Amino acid sequence: MLRVIQTAVLVVSGVIPSLLLAWNAPTHMVSGAIAYRLLQRESPATVEKLFALLERHPRYASRWRDDIERAPASHRTEMLFMLAAWWDVRRRDREYDRPQWHYIDFPFKPEGEPASIEAKPPHSVNILSALAENERVVRSGVPAEQRSIALAWLFHLVGDVHQPLHTAQMFTREYPDGDRGGNEICVRVAADRTPLNLHDLWDGLITSTNNVSRLRRIATKLRSQFSKTELTKLANSDPGAWAKESYAAAVEVAYQNGAVRGTPQGDHPDCRELNAAAVLPAGYAVRARNVADRRIVLASYRLAAQLGRMFGK
């Protein structure tokens, strides 16, 4: 259950040598693996088209190909999907990053907050505008390299928009300028655990391992855990609706309708410096994990469906 807290420790045997993982990299890789398996079963021709375009990505030859060739032959296409979903623009490829593309901060102001606390609307450039723009580029006639970059962004952003704290920002007396999707909130899952910020906790709920074999097993387990008929919202193909679903989960589960406020990080560069950070309510991690599991499976199915619509003709 508390595997979530291990996001601070990413030293695991059997890793891909060249990977330097971001906090939520394992979750994105799981999503890529599930989407690959769905498409491979339903539309192998679509998988071939996607592979051919991702081979034109500027990081394929310089980085991804080595990792792919280390994998067993039967897993290599799946590996490319996993790497594309993870693409580490924030650490290794910053020239390609667009920080505002990763989230949309729908405001949440809990009841009882004073009128002086102003809930600010989302920026006009956000994950929803980015999803629309990158789909437009993939469908356009621009050079293949540009289309491959946009395709990798789609892999990544469909995962991001299903993470509740990529879609909400809480405004309270403790966080009058907003909590930046939980990034300003320091918490502990238990009194004897190391503090971390609430956003990082949610980013690491699925797993913290960077062992590819384990990630593939997690993808298998999650896909079997939720049947397609059980995912009642699956038919909704509107990213705006996906974001609203995530926002509702953020309010109800991540923030517990305003009851979870943690300890403000303030001027401290890292939550780990706050040894007395607030402890989350009992059972929080279990409930959050259940939400995260369902959200990432929904993201995987929706990514596969979107790619099928775009490339399955």
C-alpha atoms as a PDB file:
ATOM      1  CA  MET A   1       0.000   0.000   0.000  1.00  0.00           C
ATOM      2  CA  LEU A   2       2.678   2.507   0.959  1.00  0.00           C
ATOM      3  CA  ARG A   3       4.659   1.823  -2.184  1.00  0.00           C
ATOM      4  CA  VAL A   4       3.463   5.351  -3.033  1.00  0.00           C
ATOM      5  CA  ILE A   5       5.953   6.877  -0.624  1.00  0.00           C
ATOM      6  CA  GLN A   6       8.887   5.183  -2.260  1.00  0.00           C
ATOM      7  CA  THR A   7       8.901   7.752  -5.056  1.00  0.00           C
ATOM      8  CA  ALA A   8      11.882   9.343  -3.355  1.00  0.00           C
ATOM      9  CA  VAL A   9      13.922   6.145  -3.788  1.00  0.00           C
ATOM     10  CA  LEU A  10      14.342   5.095  -7.418  1.00  0.00           C
ATOM     11  CA  VAL A  11      17.282   2.730  -7.042  1.00  0.00           C
ATOM     12  CA  VAL A  12      15.979  -0.572  -8.386  1.00  0.00           C
ATOM     13  CA  SER A  13      17.809  -3.423 -10.072  1.00  0.00           C
ATOM     14  CA  GLY A  14      17.111  -4.304 -13.671  1.00  0.00           C
ATOM     15  CA  VAL A  15      16.508  -0.781 -14.924  1.00  0.00           C
ATOM     16  CA  ILE A  16      17.018   0.542 -18.413  1.00  0.00           C
ATOM     17  CA  PRO A  17      20.532   2.022 -18.151  1.00  0.00           C
ATOM     18  CA  SER A  18      19.880   5.329 -19.922  1.00  0.00           C
ATOM     19  CA  LEU A  19      16.667   6.279 -18.115  1.00  0.00           C
ATOM     20  CA  LEU A  20      16.714   9.193 -15.695  1.00  0.00           C
ATOM     21  CA  LEU A  21      13.154   9.077 -14.482  1.00  0.00           C
ATOM     22  CA  ALA A  22      10.922  11.992 -13.630  1.00  0.00           C
ATOM     23  CA  TRP A  23       8.595  11.554 -10.657  1.00  0.00           C
ATOM     24  CA  ASN A  24       5.680  10.299 -12.720  1.00  0.00           C
ATOM     25  CA  ALA A  25       7.644   8.497 -15.416  1.00  0.00           C
ATOM     26  CA  PRO A  26       6.666   4.961 -14.304  1.00  0.00           C
ATOM     27  CA  THR A  27       2.955   5.806 -14.463  1.00  0.00           C
ATOM     28  CA  HIS A  28       3.258   7.133 -18.008  1.00  0.00           C
ATOM     29  CA  MET A  29       5.184   4.038 -19.047  1.00  0.00           C
ATOM     30  CA  VAL A  30       2.428   1.808 -17.662  1.00  0.00           C
ATOM     31  CA  SER A  31      -0.122   3.799 -19.672  1.00  0.00           C
ATOM     32  CA  GLY A  32       1.954   3.395 -22.833  1.00  0.00           C
ATOM     33  CA  ALA A  33       2.186  -0.364 -22.284  1.00  0.00           C
ATOM     34  CA  ILE A  34      -1.569  -0.784 -21.819  1.00  0.00           C
ATOM     35  CA  ALA A  35      -2.379   1.386 -24.856  1.00  0.00           C
ATOM     36  CA  TYR A  36       0.046  -0.663 -26.966  1.00  0.00           C
ATOM     37  CA  ARG A  37      -1.580  -3.954 -25.954  1.00  0.00           C
ATOM     38  CA  LEU A  38      -5.059  -2.655 -26.699  1.00  0.00           C
ATOM     39  CA  LEU A  39      -4.050  -1.425 -30.142  1.00  0.00           C
ATOM     40  CA  GLN A  40      -1.995  -4.513 -30.946  1.00  0.00           C
ATOM     41  CA  ARG A  41      -5.070  -6.646 -30.332  1.00  0.00           C
ATOM     42  CA  GLU A  42      -7.576  -4.387 -32.084  1.00  0.00           C
ATOM     43  CA  SER A  43      -5.556  -2.731 -34.861  1.00  0.00           C
ATOM     44  CA  PRO A  44      -2.027  -4.041 -35.541  1.00  0.00           C
ATOM     45  CA  ALA A  45      -1.824  -1.848 -38.640  1.00  0.00           C
ATOM     46  CA  THR A  46      -2.254   1.218 -36.427  1.00  0.00           C
ATOM     47  CA  VAL A  47       0.639   0.057 -34.247  1.00  0.00           C
ATOM     48  CA  GLU A  48       2.863  -0.231 -37.325  1.00  0.00           C
ATOM     49  CA  LYS A  49       1.991   3.323 -38.404  1.00  0.00           C
ATOM     50  CA  LEU A  50       2.677   4.683 -34.927  1.00  0.00           C
ATOM     51  CA  PHE A  51       6.024   2.892 -34.723  1.00  0.00           C
ATOM     52  CA  ALA A  52       7.057   4.246 -38.117  1.00  0.00           C
ATOM     53  CA  LEU A  53       6.270   7.808 -37.075  1.00  0.00           C
ATOM     54  CA  LEU A  54       7.885   7.539 -33.633  1.00  0.00           C
ATOM     55  CA  GLU A  55      11.071   6.313 -35.329  1.00  0.00           C
ATOM     56  CA  ARG A  56      11.310   9.835 -36.765  1.00  0.00           C
ATOM     57  CA  HIS A  57      11.348  11.375 -33.303  1.00  0.00           C
ATOM     58  CA  PRO A  58      14.592  13.339 -32.673  1.00  0.00           C
ATOM     59  CA  ARG A  59      15.336  11.206 -29.603  1.00  0.00           C
ATOM     60  CA  TYR A  60      14.752   7.839 -31.255  1.00  0.00           C
ATOM     61  CA  ALA A  61      18.202   7.377 -32.783  1.00  0.00           C
ATOM     62  CA  SER A  62      20.131   9.186 -30.050  1.00  0.00           C
ATOM     63  CA  ARG A  63      18.491   7.568 -27.033  1.00  0.00           C
ATOM     64  CA  TRP A  64      15.411   5.384 -27.381  1.00  0.00           C
ATOM     65  CA  ARG A  65      16.762   2.897 -29.919  1.00  0.00           C
ATOM     66  CA  ASP A  66      19.441   1.637 -27.518  1.00  0.00           C
ATOM     67  CA  ASP A  67      16.851   0.996 -24.816  1.00  0.00           C
ATOM     68  CA  ILE A  68      14.538  -0.717 -27.304  1.00  0.00           C
ATOM     69  CA  GLU A  69      17.252  -2.994 -28.654  1.00  0.00           C
ATOM     70  CA  ARG A  70      18.086  -4.172 -25.131  1.00  0.00           C
ATOM     71  CA  ALA A  71      14.534  -5.484 -24.781  1.00  0.00           C
ATOM     72  CA  PRO A  72      13.461  -8.919 -26.077  1.00  0.00           C
ATOM     73  CA  ALA A  73      12.350  -8.706 -29.705  1.00  0.00           C
ATOM     74  CA  SER A  74       8.719  -9.387 -28.789  1.00  0.00           C
ATOM     75  CA  HIS A  75       8.671  -6.396 -26.428  1.00  0.00           C
ATOM     76  CA  ARG A  76      10.395  -3.771 -28.548  1.00  0.00           C
ATOM     77  CA  THR A  77       7.349  -2.041 -30.012  1.00  0.00           C
ATOM     78  CA  GLU A  78       5.747  -1.937 -26.580  1.00  0.00           C
ATOM     79  CA  MET A  79       8.956  -0.423 -25.227  1.00  0.00           C
ATOM     80  CA  LEU A  80       8.777   2.386 -27.770  1.00  0.00           C
ATOM     81  CA  PHE A  81       5.214   3.154 -26.678  1.00  0.00           C
ATOM     82  CA  MET A  82       6.396   3.242 -23.053  1.00  0.00           C
ATOM     83  CA  LEU A  83       9.282   5.582 -23.850  1.00  0.00           C
ATOM     84  CA  ALA A  84       7.137   7.890 -25.953  1.00  0.00           C
ATOM     85  CA  ALA A  85       4.582   8.175 -23.144  1.00  0.00           C
ATOM     86  CA  TRP A  86       7.328   9.014 -20.679  1.00  0.00           C
ATOM     87  CA  TRP A  87       9.473  11.376 -22.834  1.00  0.00           C
ATOM     88  CA  ASP A  88      11.504  13.284 -20.241  1.00  0.00           C
ATOM     89  CA  VAL A  89      11.228  16.821 -21.591  1.00  0.00           C
ATOM     90  CA  ARG A  90      11.474  18.394 -18.150  1.00  0.00           C
ATOM     91  CA  ARG A  91      14.916  17.065 -17.285  1.00  0.00           C
ATOM     92  CA  ARG A  92      16.783  15.934 -20.378  1.00  0.00           C
ATOM     93  CA  ASP A  93      15.079  17.654 -23.313  1.00  0.00           C
ATOM     94  CA  ARG A  94      14.123  21.011 -21.897  1.00  0.00           C
ATOM     95  CA  GLU A  95      14.328  22.701 -25.276  1.00  0.00           C
ATOM     96  CA  TYR A  96      11.157  20.806 -26.185  1.00  0.00           C
ATOM     97  CA  ASP A  97       9.295  21.402 -22.933  1.00  0.00           C
ATOM     98  CA  ARG A  98       6.263  23.622 -22.576  1.00  0.00           C
ATOM     99  CA  PRO A  99       5.682  23.767 -18.800  1.00  0.00           C
ATOM    100  CA  GLN A 100       2.110  25.036 -19.038  1.00  0.00           C
ATOM    101  CA  TRP A 101       1.114  22.111 -21.248  1.00  0.00           C
ATOM    102  CA  HIS A 102       1.208  19.611 -18.369  1.00  0.00           C
ATOM    103  CA  TYR A 103      -1.789  20.885 -16.414  1.00  0.00           C
ATOM    104  CA  ILE A 104      -4.870  23.058 -16.172  1.00  0.00           C
ATOM    105  CA  ASP A 105      -5.544  24.699 -12.822  1.00  0.00           C
ATOM    106  CA  PHE A 106      -9.293  24.732 -12.407  1.00  0.00           C
ATOM    107  CA  PRO A 107      -9.727  26.660  -9.137  1.00  0.00           C
ATOM    108  CA  PHE A 108     -11.067  25.088  -5.960  1.00  0.00           C
ATOM    109  CA  LYS A 109     -11.965  27.359  -3.047  1.00  0.00           C
ATOM    110  CA  PRO A 110     -13.376  25.369  -0.112  1.00  0.00           C
ATOM    111  CA  GLU A 111     -16.418  26.588   1.741  1.00  0.00           C
ATOM    112  CA  GLY A 112     -15.724  28.941   4.616  1.00  0.00           C
ATOM    113  CA  GLU A 113     -12.779  30.748   3.042  1.00  0.00           C
ATOM    114  CA  PRO A 114     -12.968  34.560   3.302  1.00  0.00           C
ATOM    115  CA  ALA A 115     -13.917  36.770   0.384  1.00  0.00           C
ATOM    116  CA  SER A 116     -10.361  38.132   0.364  1.00  0.00           C
ATOM    117  CA  ILE A 117      -9.156  34.789  -1.038  1.00  0.00           C
ATOM    118  CA  GLU A 118      -9.512  35.115  -4.795  1.00  0.00           C
ATOM    119  CA  ALA A 119      -9.702  31.925  -6.839  1.00  0.00           C
ATOM    120  CA  LYS A 120      -7.889  32.605 -10.101  1.00  0.00           C
ATOM    121  CA  PRO A 121      -9.006  31.029 -13.397  1.00  0.00           C
ATOM    122  CA  PRO A 122      -6.727  28.730 -15.428  1.00  0.00           C
ATOM    123  CA  HIS A 123      -4.196  30.157 -17.842  1.00  0.00           C
ATOM    124  CA  SER A 124      -5.330  30.179 -21.457  1.00  0.00           C
ATOM    125  CA  VAL A 125      -2.372  27.963 -22.395  1.00  0.00           C
ATOM    126  CA  ASN A 126      -2.909  24.654 -20.639  1.00  0.00           C
ATOM    127  CA  ILE A 127      -3.162  20.906 -21.094  1.00  0.00           C
ATOM    128  CA  LEU A 128      -6.435  21.151 -23.025  1.00  0.00           C
ATOM    129  CA  SER A 129      -5.096  23.675 -25.521  1.00  0.00           C
ATOM    130  CA  ALA A 130      -1.948  21.535 -25.804  1.00  0.00           C
ATOM    131  CA  LEU A 131      -3.906  18.352 -26.525  1.00  0.00           C
ATOM    132  CA  ALA A 132      -5.827  20.127 -29.275  1.00  0.00           C
ATOM    133  CA  GLU A 133      -2.692  21.679 -30.767  1.00  0.00           C
ATOM    134  CA  ASN A 134      -0.673  18.463 -30.797  1.00  0.00           C
ATOM    135  CA  GLU A 135      -3.511  16.487 -32.369  1.00  0.00           C
ATOM    136  CA  ARG A 136      -3.727  19.178 -35.043  1.00  0.00           C
ATOM    137  CA  VAL A 137       0.011  18.885 -35.736  1.00  0.00           C
ATOM    138  CA  VAL A 138      -0.084  15.069 -35.921  1.00  0.00           C
ATOM    139  CA  ARG A 139      -2.916  15.249 -38.455  1.00  0.00           C
ATOM    140  CA  SER A 140      -1.224  17.971 -40.503  1.00  0.00           C
ATOM    141  CA  GLY A 141       1.181  17.792 -43.407  1.00  0.00           C
ATOM    142  CA  VAL A 142       4.233  19.132 -41.544  1.00  0.00           C
ATOM    143  CA  PRO A 143       7.523  17.153 -41.639  1.00  0.00           C
ATOM    144  CA  ALA A 144       7.507  13.768 -39.916  1.00  0.00           C
ATOM    145  CA  GLU A 145       9.872  14.870 -37.140  1.00  0.00           C
ATOM    146  CA  GLN A 146       7.459  17.587 -36.027  1.00  0.00           C
ATOM    147  CA  ARG A 147       4.552  15.182 -36.178  1.00  0.00           C
ATOM    148  CA  SER A 148       6.481  12.609 -34.121  1.00  0.00           C
ATOM    149  CA  ILE A 149       7.177  15.187 -31.409  1.00  0.00           C
ATOM    150  CA  ALA A 150       3.491  16.086 -31.282  1.00  0.00           C
ATOM    151  CA  LEU A 151       2.584  12.382 -31.143  1.00  0.00           C
ATOM    152  CA  ALA A 152       4.846  11.821 -28.119  1.00  0.00           C
ATOM    153  CA  TRP A 153       3.205  14.805 -26.462  1.00  0.00           C
ATOM    154  CA  LEU A 154      -0.206  13.215 -27.005  1.00  0.00           C
ATOM    155  CA  PHE A 155       1.006   9.988 -25.376  1.00  0.00           C
ATOM    156  CA  HIS A 156       2.194  11.968 -22.365  1.00  0.00           C
ATOM    157  CA  LEU A 157      -0.580  14.514 -21.989  1.00  0.00           C
ATOM    158  CA  VAL A 158      -3.447  12.026 -22.145  1.00  0.00           C
ATOM    159  CA  GLY A 159      -1.862  10.496 -19.048  1.00  0.00           C
ATOM    160  CA  ASP A 160      -1.355  13.853 -17.358  1.00  0.00           C
ATOM    161  CA  VAL A 161      -4.950  15.019 -17.832  1.00  0.00           C
ATOM    162  CA  HIS A 162      -6.166  11.925 -15.965  1.00  0.00           C
ATOM    163  CA  GLN A 163      -4.068  12.749 -12.878  1.00  0.00           C
ATOM    164  CA  PRO A 164      -6.341  14.713 -10.521  1.00  0.00           C
ATOM    165  CA  LEU A 165      -3.696  17.172  -9.336  1.00  0.00           C
ATOM    166  CA  HIS A 166      -2.859  18.131 -12.917  1.00  0.00           C
ATOM    167  CA  THR A 167      -6.314  19.703 -13.160  1.00  0.00           C
ATOM    168  CA  ALA A 168      -6.922  21.567  -9.890  1.00  0.00           C
ATOM    169  CA  GLN A 169      -5.505  24.301  -7.694  1.00  0.00           C
ATOM    170  CA  MET A 170      -6.749  25.005  -4.171  1.00  0.00           C
ATOM    171  CA  PHE A 171      -7.092  28.541  -2.820  1.00  0.00           C
ATOM    172  CA  THR A 172      -7.262  28.952   0.973  1.00  0.00           C
ATOM    173  CA  ARG A 173      -5.888  31.174   3.727  1.00  0.00           C
ATOM    174  CA  GLU A 174      -2.852  28.876   3.813  1.00  0.00           C
ATOM    175  CA  TYR A 175      -2.474  29.106   0.029  1.00  0.00           C
ATOM    176  CA  PRO A 176      -3.871  32.498  -0.994  1.00  0.00           C
ATOM    177  CA  ASP A 177      -2.039  32.384  -4.335  1.00  0.00           C
ATOM    178  CA  GLY A 178      -2.970  28.759  -4.948  1.00  0.00           C
ATOM    179  CA  ASP A 179      -1.229  25.515  -4.059  1.00  0.00           C
ATOM    180  CA  ARG A 180      -0.052  24.794  -7.634  1.00  0.00           C
ATOM    181  CA  GLY A 181      -1.842  21.472  -7.837  1.00  0.00           C
ATOM    182  CA  GLY A 182      -0.549  20.252  -4.488  1.00  0.00           C
ATOM    183  CA  ASN A 183       3.054  21.300  -5.125  1.00  0.00           C
ATOM    184  CA  GLU A 184       2.973  23.729  -2.185  1.00  0.00           C
ATOM    185  CA  ILE A 185       1.402  21.233   0.245  1.00  0.00           C
ATOM    186  CA  CYS A 186       3.770  19.121   2.378  1.00  0.00           C
ATOM    187  CA  VAL A 187       2.332  15.939   3.889  1.00  0.00           C
ATOM    188  CA  ARG A 188       3.252  12.627   5.481  1.00  0.00           C
ATOM    189  CA  VAL A 189       1.333   9.401   4.957  1.00  0.00           C
ATOM    190  CA  ALA A 190       2.241   8.367   8.515  1.00  0.00           C
ATOM    191  CA  ALA A 191       4.038  10.014  11.431  1.00  0.00           C
ATOM    192  CA  ASP A 192       7.216   8.037  10.765  1.00  0.00           C
ATOM    193  CA  ARG A 193       7.322   8.726   7.020  1.00  0.00           C
ATOM    194  CA  THR A 194       9.414  11.305   5.165  1.00  0.00           C
ATOM    195  CA  PRO A 195       7.447  14.402   4.106  1.00  0.00           C
ATOM    196  CA  LEU A 196       6.806  15.014   0.417  1.00  0.00           C
ATOM    197  CA  ASN A 197       4.526  17.322  -1.503  1.00  0.00           C
ATOM    198  CA  LEU A 198       0.994  16.217  -2.262  1.00  0.00           C
ATOM    199  CA  HIS A 199       1.474  16.451  -6.032  1.00  0.00           C
ATOM    200  CA  ASP A 200       4.481  14.118  -5.966  1.00  0.00           C
ATOM    201  CA  LEU A 201       2.545  11.681  -3.829  1.00  0.00           C
ATOM    202  CA  TRP A 202      -0.227  11.490  -6.439  1.00  0.00           C
ATOM    203  CA  ASP A 203       2.246  11.300  -9.308  1.00  0.00           C
ATOM    204  CA  GLY A 204       3.778   8.210  -7.713  1.00  0.00           C
ATOM    205  CA  LEU A 205       0.636   6.364  -6.666  1.00  0.00           C
ATOM    206  CA  ILE A 206       0.721   3.686  -9.370  1.00  0.00           C
ATOM    207  CA  THR A 207       4.342   2.704  -8.762  1.00  0.00           C
ATOM    208  CA  SER A 208       7.800   4.100  -8.173  1.00  0.00           C
ATOM    209  CA  THR A 209       9.729   1.271  -9.821  1.00  0.00           C
ATOM    210  CA  ASN A 210      11.746   1.878 -12.968  1.00  0.00           C
ATOM    211  CA  ASN A 211      12.187  -1.830 -13.605  1.00  0.00           C
ATOM    212  CA  VAL A 212      10.622  -2.452 -17.009  1.00  0.00           C
ATOM    213  CA  SER A 213       9.613  -6.043 -16.277  1.00  0.00           C
ATOM    214  CA  ARG A 214       7.750  -4.886 -13.192  1.00  0.00           C
ATOM    215  CA  LEU A 215       6.115  -2.059 -15.094  1.00  0.00           C
ATOM    216  CA  ARG A 216       4.864  -4.545 -17.686  1.00  0.00           C
ATOM    217  CA  ARG A 217       3.462  -6.746 -14.918  1.00  0.00           C
ATOM    218  CA  ILE A 218       1.719  -3.740 -13.372  1.00  0.00           C
ATOM    219  CA  ALA A 219       0.190  -2.943 -16.771  1.00  0.00           C
ATOM    220  CA  THR A 220      -1.096  -6.528 -16.991  1.00  0.00           C
ATOM    221  CA  LYS A 221      -2.545  -6.404 -13.487  1.00  0.00           C
ATOM    222  CA  LEU A 222      -4.277  -3.049 -13.971  1.00  0.00           C
ATOM    223  CA  ARG A 223      -5.772  -4.047 -17.291  1.00  0.00           C
ATOM    224  CA  SER A 224      -7.207  -7.232 -15.747  1.00  0.00           C
ATOM    225  CA  GLN A 225      -8.410  -5.334 -12.680  1.00  0.00           C
ATOM    226  CA  PHE A 226     -10.796  -3.106 -14.655  1.00  0.00           C
ATOM    227  CA  SER A 227     -12.942  -4.612 -17.374  1.00  0.00           C
ATOM    228  CA  LYS A 228     -13.896  -2.420 -20.295  1.00  0.00           C
ATOM    229  CA  THR A 229     -17.586  -2.673 -19.392  1.00  0.00           C
ATOM    230  CA  GLU A 230     -16.786  -1.506 -15.864  1.00  0.00           C
ATOM    231  CA  LEU A 231     -15.241   1.726 -17.130  1.00  0.00           C
ATOM    232  CA  THR A 232     -18.580   3.463 -17.549  1.00  0.00           C
ATOM    233  CA  LYS A 233     -17.140   6.813 -18.648  1.00  0.00           C
ATOM    234  CA  LEU A 234     -14.917   5.305 -21.304  1.00  0.00           C
ATOM    235  CA  ALA A 235     -17.080   6.359 -24.242  1.00  0.00           C
ATOM    236  CA  ASN A 236     -16.499  10.059 -23.519  1.00  0.00           C
ATOM    237  CA  SER A 237     -13.824  11.169 -25.985  1.00  0.00           C
ATOM    238  CA  ASP A 238     -13.765  14.858 -24.983  1.00  0.00           C
ATOM    239  CA  PRO A 239     -10.507  15.848 -23.192  1.00  0.00           C
ATOM    240  CA  GLY A 240     -12.398  18.655 -21.471  1.00  0.00           C
ATOM    241  CA  ALA A 241     -14.636  16.061 -19.837  1.00  0.00           C
ATOM    242  CA  TRP A 242     -11.573  14.011 -18.845  1.00  0.00           C
ATOM    243  CA  ALA A 243     -10.141  17.073 -17.105  1.00  0.00           C
ATOM    244  CA  LYS A 244     -13.420  17.713 -15.291  1.00  0.00           C
ATOM    245  CA  GLU A 245     -13.457  14.097 -14.077  1.00  0.00           C
ATOM    246  CA  SER A 246      -9.944  14.568 -12.719  1.00  0.00           C
ATOM    247  CA  TYR A 247     -10.929  17.860 -11.099  1.00  0.00           C
ATOM    248  CA  ALA A 248     -13.834  16.197  -9.297  1.00  0.00           C
ATOM    249  CA  ALA A 249     -11.462  13.505  -7.999  1.00  0.00           C
ATOM    250  CA  ALA A 250      -9.006  16.179  -6.867  1.00  0.00           C
ATOM    251  CA  VAL A 251     -11.660  18.013  -4.863  1.00  0.00           C
ATOM    252  CA  GLU A 252     -13.285  14.925  -3.343  1.00  0.00           C
ATOM    253  CA  VAL A 253     -10.296  12.639  -2.807  1.00  0.00           C
ATOM    254  CA  ALA A 254      -6.999  14.547  -3.070  1.00  0.00           C
ATOM    255  CA  TYR A 255      -8.180  17.593  -1.104  1.00  0.00           C
ATOM    256  CA  GLN A 256     -11.070  15.817   0.664  1.00  0.00           C
ATOM    257  CA  ASN A 257     -13.281  18.836  -0.003  1.00  0.00           C
ATOM    258  CA  GLY A 258     -10.768  21.131   1.668  1.00  0.00           C
ATOM    259  CA  ALA A 259     -10.032  19.050   4.763  1.00  0.00           C
ATOM    260  CA  VAL A 260      -6.551  18.110   3.489  1.00  0.00           C
ATOM    261  CA  ARG A 261      -4.329  21.184   3.581  1.00  0.00           C
ATOM    262  CA  GLY A 262      -1.041  19.756   4.814  1.00  0.00           C
ATOM    263  CA  THR A 263       1.736  22.110   5.829  1.00  0.00           C
ATOM    264  CA  PRO A 264       2.715  24.961   3.484  1.00  0.00           C
ATOM    265  CA  GLN A 265       6.165  24.467   1.998  1.00  0.00           C
ATOM    266  CA  GLY A 266       6.732  28.215   2.155  1.00  0.00           C
ATOM    267  CA  ASP A 267      10.343  29.224   1.619  1.00  0.00           C
ATOM    268  CA  HIS A 268      11.698  25.720   2.167  1.00  0.00           C
ATOM    269  CA  PRO A 269      13.187  24.301  -1.063  1.00  0.00           C
ATOM    270  CA  ASP A 270      11.979  20.780  -0.235  1.00  0.00           C
ATOM    271  CA  CYS A 271       9.208  19.269   1.890  1.00  0.00           C
ATOM    272  CA  ARG A 272      11.760  16.921   3.454  1.00  0.00           C
ATOM    273  CA  GLU A 273      12.996  19.865   5.500  1.00  0.00           C
ATOM    274  CA  LEU A 274       9.627  20.014   7.278  1.00  0.00           C
ATOM    275  CA  ASN A 275       9.892  17.166   9.751  1.00  0.00           C
ATOM    276  CA  ALA A 276       6.595  18.176  11.359  1.00  0.00           C
ATOM    277  CA  ALA A 277       4.576  18.194   8.127  1.00  0.00           C
ATOM    278  CA  ALA A 278       0.923  17.307   8.628  1.00  0.00           C
ATOM    279  CA  VAL A 279      -0.020  13.627   8.561  1.00  0.00           C
ATOM    280  CA  LEU A 280      -2.715  12.567   6.107  1.00  0.00           C
ATOM    281  CA  PRO A 281      -5.931  10.992   7.415  1.00  0.00           C
ATOM    282  CA  ALA A 282      -6.001   7.247   7.998  1.00  0.00           C
ATOM    283  CA  GLY A 283      -6.884   5.365   4.827  1.00  0.00           C
ATOM    284  CA  TYR A 284      -5.969   8.267   2.539  1.00  0.00           C
ATOM    285  CA  ALA A 285      -3.304   6.344   0.601  1.00  0.00           C
ATOM    286  CA  VAL A 286      -5.596   3.375  -0.038  1.00  0.00           C
ATOM    287  CA  ARG A 287      -8.427   5.505  -1.373  1.00  0.00           C
ATOM    288  CA  ALA A 288      -6.072   7.620  -3.457  1.00  0.00           C
ATOM    289  CA  ARG A 289      -4.414   4.530  -4.946  1.00  0.00           C
ATOM    290  CA  ASN A 290      -7.795   3.118  -5.985  1.00  0.00           C
ATOM    291  CA  VAL A 291      -8.633   6.379  -7.759  1.00  0.00           C
ATOM    292  CA  ALA A 292      -5.227   6.539  -9.436  1.00  0.00           C
ATOM    293  CA  ASP A 293      -5.485   2.957 -10.691  1.00  0.00           C
ATOM    294  CA  ARG A 294      -8.847   3.608 -12.332  1.00  0.00           C
ATOM    295  CA  ARG A 295      -7.717   6.923 -13.812  1.00  0.00           C
ATOM    296  CA  ILE A 296      -4.604   5.484 -15.475  1.00  0.00           C
ATOM    297  CA  VAL A 297      -6.551   2.589 -16.997  1.00  0.00           C
ATOM    298  CA  LEU A 298      -9.104   5.060 -18.349  1.00  0.00           C
ATOM    299  CA  ALA A 299      -6.242   7.135 -19.745  1.00  0.00           C
ATOM    300  CA  SER A 300      -4.763   4.075 -21.477  1.00  0.00           C
ATOM    301  CA  TYR A 301      -8.039   3.056 -23.106  1.00  0.00           C
ATOM    302  CA  ARG A 302      -8.733   6.604 -24.195  1.00  0.00           C
ATOM    303  CA  LEU A 303      -5.233   7.042 -25.605  1.00  0.00           C
ATOM    304  CA  ALA A 304      -5.615   3.822 -27.605  1.00  0.00           C
ATOM    305  CA  ALA A 305      -9.007   4.945 -28.882  1.00  0.00           C
ATOM    306  CA  GLN A 306      -7.710   8.375 -29.867  1.00  0.00           C
ATOM    307  CA  LEU A 307      -4.727   6.900 -31.701  1.00  0.00           C
ATOM    308  CA  GLY A 308      -7.034   4.418 -33.418  1.00  0.00           C
ATOM    309  CA  ARG A 309      -9.216   7.236 -34.692  1.00  0.00           C
ATOM    310  CA  MET A 310      -6.201   9.154 -35.949  1.00  0.00           C
ATOM    311  CA  PHE A 311      -4.204   6.333 -37.537  1.00  0.00           C
ATOM    312  CA  GLY A 312      -6.624   3.470 -38.060  1.00  0.00           C
ATOM    313  CA  LYS A 313      -7.916   4.570 -41.452  1.00  0.00           C
END
